[in-house]
């Protein structure tokens, strides 16, 4: 199935904690990017900042922990490249959703995680450095400006055939389709997301995310 237009550089907003975002990221990385040769910049969206959960809620601890991860992701980007930032997201997403490192409720050793990636472990200090919050807020706002505030993750942005920057929330999927269906889904996202007046397709979710096999390291 041929690509109908050049969507330019894709932006994809992530919080490592979100399981739905992780499945969509795997769809993009495993199926769409290699088939279409897309350039993707992975951006932060902090669900701690977005949803402002009560500190006494069960939801607070995991999103606070992954907010620390987003700080580190941005420090790695600043010290290196967008590819390095993606490598951090991919690694930590794998560790969260396949290795279950948040289940213990203990803080994640981000120094060790960066060392595993061959990145400067000192960059893990950003996890407790609030100065990175301005960068996260500015980057996440770019995505929200495209789609509005009543969404979560994932958010994807692309250029429509007229060169207008568009953003969509989703697609929300529970498993990665095969290559043919994955590309059909991508083309549908580009088509629907580029139509003025189109807002939503939805049906009730009846199953939890299927993360598939443990992914290979990237970056």
C-alpha atoms as a PDB file:
ATOM      1  CA  UNK A   1       0.000   0.000   0.000  1.00  0.00           C
ATOM      2  CA  UNK A   2       1.690   3.191  -1.142  1.00  0.00           C
ATOM      3  CA  UNK A   3       2.019   6.199   1.072  1.00  0.00           C
ATOM      4  CA  UNK A   4      -0.351   8.882  -0.203  1.00  0.00           C
ATOM      5  CA  UNK A   5       1.739  11.881   0.838  1.00  0.00           C
ATOM      6  CA  UNK A   6       4.866  12.852   2.738  1.00  0.00           C
ATOM      7  CA  UNK A   7       3.792  13.459   6.345  1.00  0.00           C
ATOM      8  CA  UNK A   8       7.099  15.135   7.159  1.00  0.00           C
ATOM      9  CA  UNK A   9       8.757  14.549  10.483  1.00  0.00           C
ATOM     10  CA  UNK A  10       6.390  12.729  12.788  1.00  0.00           C
ATOM     11  CA  UNK A  11       6.176  13.753  16.425  1.00  0.00           C
ATOM     12  CA  UNK A  12       5.006  11.206  18.975  1.00  0.00           C
ATOM     13  CA  UNK A  13       4.256  12.250  22.573  1.00  0.00           C
ATOM     14  CA  UNK A  14       4.877   9.662  25.276  1.00  0.00           C
ATOM     15  CA  UNK A  15       4.851   8.985  28.972  1.00  0.00           C
ATOM     16  CA  UNK A  16       6.615   5.674  29.714  1.00  0.00           C
ATOM     17  CA  UNK A  17       3.916   4.698  32.216  1.00  0.00           C
ATOM     18  CA  UNK A  18       1.041   4.527  29.700  1.00  0.00           C
ATOM     19  CA  UNK A  19       0.371   0.964  28.464  1.00  0.00           C
ATOM     20  CA  UNK A  20      -1.808   2.122  25.557  1.00  0.00           C
ATOM     21  CA  UNK A  21       0.916   4.473  24.417  1.00  0.00           C
ATOM     22  CA  UNK A  22       3.426   1.628  24.612  1.00  0.00           C
ATOM     23  CA  UNK A  23       1.401  -0.592  22.274  1.00  0.00           C
ATOM     24  CA  UNK A  24       1.004   2.275  19.798  1.00  0.00           C
ATOM     25  CA  UNK A  25       4.732   3.035  20.034  1.00  0.00           C
ATOM     26  CA  UNK A  26       5.504  -0.606  19.232  1.00  0.00           C
ATOM     27  CA  UNK A  27       3.152  -0.402  16.238  1.00  0.00           C
ATOM     28  CA  UNK A  28       4.992   2.668  15.011  1.00  0.00           C
ATOM     29  CA  UNK A  29       8.507   1.356  15.657  1.00  0.00           C
ATOM     30  CA  UNK A  30       8.069  -2.288  14.671  1.00  0.00           C
ATOM     31  CA  UNK A  31       5.776  -1.912  11.660  1.00  0.00           C
ATOM     32  CA  UNK A  32       5.221   1.610  10.353  1.00  0.00           C
ATOM     33  CA  UNK A  33       8.651   3.255  10.562  1.00  0.00           C
ATOM     34  CA  UNK A  34      10.594   0.490   8.800  1.00  0.00           C
ATOM     35  CA  UNK A  35       8.009   0.150   6.028  1.00  0.00           C
ATOM     36  CA  UNK A  36       7.598   3.872   5.392  1.00  0.00           C
ATOM     37  CA  UNK A  37      11.027   5.210   6.320  1.00  0.00           C
ATOM     38  CA  UNK A  38       9.542   7.820   8.638  1.00  0.00           C
ATOM     39  CA  UNK A  39      11.507  10.268  10.739  1.00  0.00           C
ATOM     40  CA  UNK A  40      10.025  10.405  14.244  1.00  0.00           C
ATOM     41  CA  UNK A  41      10.830  12.772  17.107  1.00  0.00           C
ATOM     42  CA  UNK A  42       9.711  11.383  20.449  1.00  0.00           C
ATOM     43  CA  UNK A  43       8.336  14.071  22.731  1.00  0.00           C
ATOM     44  CA  UNK A  44       7.425  14.064  26.441  1.00  0.00           C
ATOM     45  CA  UNK A  45       3.932  14.373  27.835  1.00  0.00           C
ATOM     46  CA  UNK A  46       3.888  14.110  31.598  1.00  0.00           C
ATOM     47  CA  UNK A  47       0.749  12.433  32.892  1.00  0.00           C
ATOM     48  CA  UNK A  48       1.703  13.808  36.307  1.00  0.00           C
ATOM     49  CA  UNK A  49       1.381  17.347  34.943  1.00  0.00           C
ATOM     50  CA  UNK A  50      -1.486  16.526  32.596  1.00  0.00           C
ATOM     51  CA  UNK A  51      -3.793  14.814  35.100  1.00  0.00           C
ATOM     52  CA  UNK A  52      -2.607  16.378  38.383  1.00  0.00           C
ATOM     53  CA  UNK A  53      -3.529  13.309  40.478  1.00  0.00           C
ATOM     54  CA  UNK A  54      -4.070  13.548  44.202  1.00  0.00           C
ATOM     55  CA  UNK A  55      -0.847  12.474  45.974  1.00  0.00           C
ATOM     56  CA  UNK A  56      -2.887  10.006  48.047  1.00  0.00           C
ATOM     57  CA  UNK A  57      -4.206   8.166  44.976  1.00  0.00           C
ATOM     58  CA  UNK A  58      -2.777   4.891  43.677  1.00  0.00           C
ATOM     59  CA  UNK A  59      -2.179   6.631  40.339  1.00  0.00           C
ATOM     60  CA  UNK A  60       0.174   9.250  41.768  1.00  0.00           C
ATOM     61  CA  UNK A  61       3.275   7.163  42.525  1.00  0.00           C
ATOM     62  CA  UNK A  62       3.761   5.617  39.064  1.00  0.00           C
ATOM     63  CA  UNK A  63       3.224   8.865  37.162  1.00  0.00           C
ATOM     64  CA  UNK A  64       5.511  10.716  39.569  1.00  0.00           C
ATOM     65  CA  UNK A  65       8.176   8.080  38.932  1.00  0.00           C
ATOM     66  CA  UNK A  66       7.844   8.268  35.167  1.00  0.00           C
ATOM     67  CA  UNK A  67       7.905  12.064  35.363  1.00  0.00           C
ATOM     68  CA  UNK A  68      11.412  11.589  36.767  1.00  0.00           C
ATOM     69  CA  UNK A  69      12.134   9.434  33.731  1.00  0.00           C
ATOM     70  CA  UNK A  70      10.953  12.190  31.393  1.00  0.00           C
ATOM     71  CA  UNK A  71      13.344  14.616  33.075  1.00  0.00           C
ATOM     72  CA  UNK A  72      16.166  12.190  32.395  1.00  0.00           C
ATOM     73  CA  UNK A  73      14.976  11.684  28.822  1.00  0.00           C
ATOM     74  CA  UNK A  74      15.219  15.444  28.264  1.00  0.00           C
ATOM     75  CA  UNK A  75      18.632  15.703  29.885  1.00  0.00           C
ATOM     76  CA  UNK A  76      19.839  12.917  27.594  1.00  0.00           C
ATOM     77  CA  UNK A  77      18.381  14.700  24.568  1.00  0.00           C
ATOM     78  CA  UNK A  78      20.112  17.949  25.545  1.00  0.00           C
ATOM     79  CA  UNK A  79      23.436  16.182  26.030  1.00  0.00           C
ATOM     80  CA  UNK A  80      23.151  14.075  22.886  1.00  0.00           C
ATOM     81  CA  UNK A  81      20.382  13.727  20.346  1.00  0.00           C
ATOM     82  CA  UNK A  82      16.732  12.929  19.688  1.00  0.00           C
ATOM     83  CA  UNK A  83      17.817   9.361  18.977  1.00  0.00           C
ATOM     84  CA  UNK A  84      19.308   9.116  22.459  1.00  0.00           C
ATOM     85  CA  UNK A  85      16.048  10.405  23.962  1.00  0.00           C
ATOM     86  CA  UNK A  86      14.140   7.727  22.043  1.00  0.00           C
ATOM     87  CA  UNK A  87      16.555   5.048  23.276  1.00  0.00           C
ATOM     88  CA  UNK A  88      15.756   6.081  26.851  1.00  0.00           C
ATOM     89  CA  UNK A  89      12.003   5.907  26.237  1.00  0.00           C
ATOM     90  CA  UNK A  90      12.229   2.540  24.479  1.00  0.00           C
ATOM     91  CA  UNK A  91      14.407   1.051  27.201  1.00  0.00           C
ATOM     92  CA  UNK A  92      12.299   2.335  30.081  1.00  0.00           C
ATOM     93  CA  UNK A  93       9.049   1.393  28.346  1.00  0.00           C
ATOM     94  CA  UNK A  94      10.412  -2.132  27.988  1.00  0.00           C
ATOM     95  CA  UNK A  95      11.482  -2.212  31.610  1.00  0.00           C
ATOM     96  CA  UNK A  96       8.078  -0.984  32.821  1.00  0.00           C
ATOM     97  CA  UNK A  97       5.719  -3.019  30.667  1.00  0.00           C
ATOM     98  CA  UNK A  98       7.720  -6.226  30.202  1.00  0.00           C
ATOM     99  CA  UNK A  99      10.054  -6.352  33.204  1.00  0.00           C
ATOM    100  CA  UNK A 100       7.513  -4.715  35.593  1.00  0.00           C
ATOM    101  CA  UNK A 101      10.055  -2.491  37.356  1.00  0.00           C
ATOM    102  CA  UNK A 102       7.362  -0.211  38.804  1.00  0.00           C
ATOM    103  CA  UNK A 103       5.527  -3.044  40.521  1.00  0.00           C
ATOM    104  CA  UNK A 104       7.707  -2.924  43.631  1.00  0.00           C
ATOM    105  CA  UNK A 105       6.794   0.689  44.296  1.00  0.00           C
ATOM    106  CA  UNK A 106      10.473   1.505  44.841  1.00  0.00           C
ATOM    107  CA  UNK A 107      12.249   4.303  42.945  1.00  0.00           C
ATOM    108  CA  UNK A 108      13.887   3.102  39.745  1.00  0.00           C
ATOM    109  CA  UNK A 109      17.691   3.236  39.691  1.00  0.00           C
ATOM    110  CA  UNK A 110      17.966   5.538  36.682  1.00  0.00           C
ATOM    111  CA  UNK A 111      21.748   5.666  36.978  1.00  0.00           C
ATOM    112  CA  UNK A 112      21.899   1.920  36.377  1.00  0.00           C
ATOM    113  CA  UNK A 113      19.377   2.125  33.535  1.00  0.00           C
ATOM    114  CA  UNK A 114      21.446   4.755  31.703  1.00  0.00           C
ATOM    115  CA  UNK A 115      24.579   2.700  32.248  1.00  0.00           C
ATOM    116  CA  UNK A 116      22.857  -0.250  30.618  1.00  0.00           C
ATOM    117  CA  UNK A 117      22.259   1.949  27.565  1.00  0.00           C
ATOM    118  CA  UNK A 118      25.871   3.105  27.453  1.00  0.00           C
ATOM    119  CA  UNK A 119      24.803   6.673  28.275  1.00  0.00           C
ATOM    120  CA  UNK A 120      26.408   8.967  30.834  1.00  0.00           C
ATOM    121  CA  UNK A 121      25.012   7.768  34.186  1.00  0.00           C
ATOM    122  CA  UNK A 122      25.469  11.253  35.651  1.00  0.00           C
ATOM    123  CA  UNK A 123      22.532  12.395  33.485  1.00  0.00           C
ATOM    124  CA  UNK A 124      20.266  10.440  35.842  1.00  0.00           C
ATOM    125  CA  UNK A 125      20.647  13.314  38.315  1.00  0.00           C
ATOM    126  CA  UNK A 126      18.059  15.133  36.192  1.00  0.00           C
ATOM    127  CA  UNK A 127      15.403  12.846  37.654  1.00  0.00           C
ATOM    128  CA  UNK A 128      15.340  14.979  40.798  1.00  0.00           C
ATOM    129  CA  UNK A 129      16.055  18.308  39.106  1.00  0.00           C
ATOM    130  CA  UNK A 130      12.892  20.410  38.750  1.00  0.00           C
ATOM    131  CA  UNK A 131      14.597  22.734  36.267  1.00  0.00           C
ATOM    132  CA  UNK A 132      13.810  20.190  33.546  1.00  0.00           C
ATOM    133  CA  UNK A 133      10.074  20.635  34.145  1.00  0.00           C
ATOM    134  CA  UNK A 134       9.978  23.787  32.029  1.00  0.00           C
ATOM    135  CA  UNK A 135      11.338  21.853  29.048  1.00  0.00           C
ATOM    136  CA  UNK A 136       8.834  19.048  29.553  1.00  0.00           C
ATOM    137  CA  UNK A 137       5.943  21.496  29.890  1.00  0.00           C
ATOM    138  CA  UNK A 138       6.932  23.420  26.764  1.00  0.00           C
ATOM    139  CA  UNK A 139       7.315  20.285  24.655  1.00  0.00           C
ATOM    140  CA  UNK A 140       4.089  18.678  25.864  1.00  0.00           C
ATOM    141  CA  UNK A 141       2.170  21.901  25.249  1.00  0.00           C
ATOM    142  CA  UNK A 142       3.131  21.736  21.561  1.00  0.00           C
ATOM    143  CA  UNK A 143       1.202  18.494  21.319  1.00  0.00           C
ATOM    144  CA  UNK A 144      -1.758  19.702  23.353  1.00  0.00           C
ATOM    145  CA  UNK A 145      -1.997  22.819  21.210  1.00  0.00           C
ATOM    146  CA  UNK A 146      -2.648  20.516  18.245  1.00  0.00           C
ATOM    147  CA  UNK A 147      -5.241  18.234  19.851  1.00  0.00           C
ATOM    148  CA  UNK A 148      -6.726  20.019  22.881  1.00  0.00           C
ATOM    149  CA  UNK A 149      -6.627  19.142  26.559  1.00  0.00           C
ATOM    150  CA  UNK A 150      -9.219  16.343  26.813  1.00  0.00           C
ATOM    151  CA  UNK A 151      -6.787  13.633  25.659  1.00  0.00           C
ATOM    152  CA  UNK A 152      -3.987  11.528  27.077  1.00  0.00           C
ATOM    153  CA  UNK A 153      -1.305   9.550  25.299  1.00  0.00           C
ATOM    154  CA  UNK A 154      -0.382   8.773  22.621  1.00  0.00           C
ATOM    155  CA  UNK A 155      -0.462  11.970  20.563  1.00  0.00           C
ATOM    156  CA  UNK A 156       0.910  11.904  17.032  1.00  0.00           C
ATOM    157  CA  UNK A 157       1.552  14.923  14.790  1.00  0.00           C
ATOM    158  CA  UNK A 158       2.200  15.045  11.051  1.00  0.00           C
ATOM    159  CA  UNK A 159       1.804  17.333   8.032  1.00  0.00           C
ATOM    160  CA  UNK A 160      -1.324  16.933   5.897  1.00  0.00           C
ATOM    161  CA  UNK A 161      -1.135  17.058   2.053  1.00  0.00           C
ATOM    162  CA  UNK A 162      -1.372  20.875   2.205  1.00  0.00           C
ATOM    163  CA  UNK A 163       1.536  21.089   4.618  1.00  0.00           C
ATOM    164  CA  UNK A 164      -0.660  21.942   7.613  1.00  0.00           C
ATOM    165  CA  UNK A 165       0.550  20.474  10.904  1.00  0.00           C
ATOM    166  CA  UNK A 166      -2.078  18.133  12.341  1.00  0.00           C
ATOM    167  CA  UNK A 167      -2.306  16.248  15.600  1.00  0.00           C
ATOM    168  CA  UNK A 168      -4.385  13.279  16.723  1.00  0.00           C
ATOM    169  CA  UNK A 169      -4.871  11.373  19.942  1.00  0.00           C
ATOM    170  CA  UNK A 170      -4.299   7.714  19.213  1.00  0.00           C
ATOM    171  CA  UNK A 171      -4.650   5.325  17.605  1.00  0.00           C
ATOM    172  CA  UNK A 172      -5.514   3.365  20.751  1.00  0.00           C
ATOM    173  CA  UNK A 173      -4.907  -0.313  20.017  1.00  0.00           C
ATOM    174  CA  UNK A 174      -4.594  -3.357  22.237  1.00  0.00           C
ATOM    175  CA  UNK A 175      -2.143  -5.218  20.021  1.00  0.00           C
ATOM    176  CA  UNK A 176       0.086  -4.523  17.031  1.00  0.00           C
ATOM    177  CA  UNK A 177      -1.540  -5.662  13.770  1.00  0.00           C
ATOM    178  CA  UNK A 178       0.391  -7.462  11.079  1.00  0.00           C
ATOM    179  CA  UNK A 179       2.347  -5.337   8.610  1.00  0.00           C
ATOM    180  CA  UNK A 180      -0.439  -4.991   6.031  1.00  0.00           C
ATOM    181  CA  UNK A 181      -3.045  -3.945   8.582  1.00  0.00           C
ATOM    182  CA  UNK A 182      -0.538  -1.740  10.409  1.00  0.00           C
ATOM    183  CA  UNK A 183       0.106   0.262   7.250  1.00  0.00           C
ATOM    184  CA  UNK A 184      -3.602   0.445   6.472  1.00  0.00           C
ATOM    185  CA  UNK A 185      -4.121   1.823   9.984  1.00  0.00           C
ATOM    186  CA  UNK A 186      -1.346   4.386   9.484  1.00  0.00           C
ATOM    187  CA  UNK A 187      -2.879   5.565   6.208  1.00  0.00           C
ATOM    188  CA  UNK A 188      -6.241   5.869   7.949  1.00  0.00           C
ATOM    189  CA  UNK A 189      -4.698   7.991  10.701  1.00  0.00           C
ATOM    190  CA  UNK A 190      -3.185  10.332   8.102  1.00  0.00           C
ATOM    191  CA  UNK A 191      -6.433  10.534   6.169  1.00  0.00           C
ATOM    192  CA  UNK A 192      -8.816  11.061   9.083  1.00  0.00           C
ATOM    193  CA  UNK A 193      -6.436  13.337  10.951  1.00  0.00           C
ATOM    194  CA  UNK A 194      -6.191  15.607   7.940  1.00  0.00           C
ATOM    195  CA  UNK A 195      -9.933  16.151   7.533  1.00  0.00           C
ATOM    196  CA  UNK A 196     -11.364  19.384   8.939  1.00  0.00           C
ATOM    197  CA  UNK A 197     -14.428  18.641  11.049  1.00  0.00           C
ATOM    198  CA  UNK A 198     -13.435  15.060  11.869  1.00  0.00           C
ATOM    199  CA  UNK A 199     -13.056  14.489  15.603  1.00  0.00           C
ATOM    200  CA  UNK A 200     -13.599  10.988  16.844  1.00  0.00           C
ATOM    201  CA  UNK A 201     -14.124   7.290  16.212  1.00  0.00           C
ATOM    202  CA  UNK A 202     -14.512   5.182  19.332  1.00  0.00           C
ATOM    203  CA  UNK A 203     -15.830   1.923  20.745  1.00  0.00           C
ATOM    204  CA  UNK A 204     -15.712   0.491  24.256  1.00  0.00           C
ATOM    205  CA  UNK A 205     -12.463  -1.312  25.077  1.00  0.00           C
ATOM    206  CA  UNK A 206     -13.115  -4.914  26.093  1.00  0.00           C
ATOM    207  CA  UNK A 207      -9.531  -6.151  26.528  1.00  0.00           C
ATOM    208  CA  UNK A 208      -6.282  -5.054  28.098  1.00  0.00           C
ATOM    209  CA  UNK A 209      -3.131  -4.221  26.113  1.00  0.00           C
ATOM    210  CA  UNK A 210      -1.138  -7.121  24.738  1.00  0.00           C
ATOM    211  CA  UNK A 211       2.510  -6.000  24.793  1.00  0.00           C
ATOM    212  CA  UNK A 212       3.749  -8.844  22.608  1.00  0.00           C
ATOM    213  CA  UNK A 213       7.237 -10.313  22.827  1.00  0.00           C
ATOM    214  CA  UNK A 214      10.004  -8.594  24.734  1.00  0.00           C
ATOM    215  CA  UNK A 215      11.264  -5.981  22.238  1.00  0.00           C
ATOM    216  CA  UNK A 216      14.815  -5.755  20.995  1.00  0.00           C
ATOM    217  CA  UNK A 217      16.896  -2.800  22.205  1.00  0.00           C
ATOM    218  CA  UNK A 218      16.811   0.287  19.981  1.00  0.00           C
ATOM    219  CA  UNK A 219      19.026   3.280  19.591  1.00  0.00           C
END
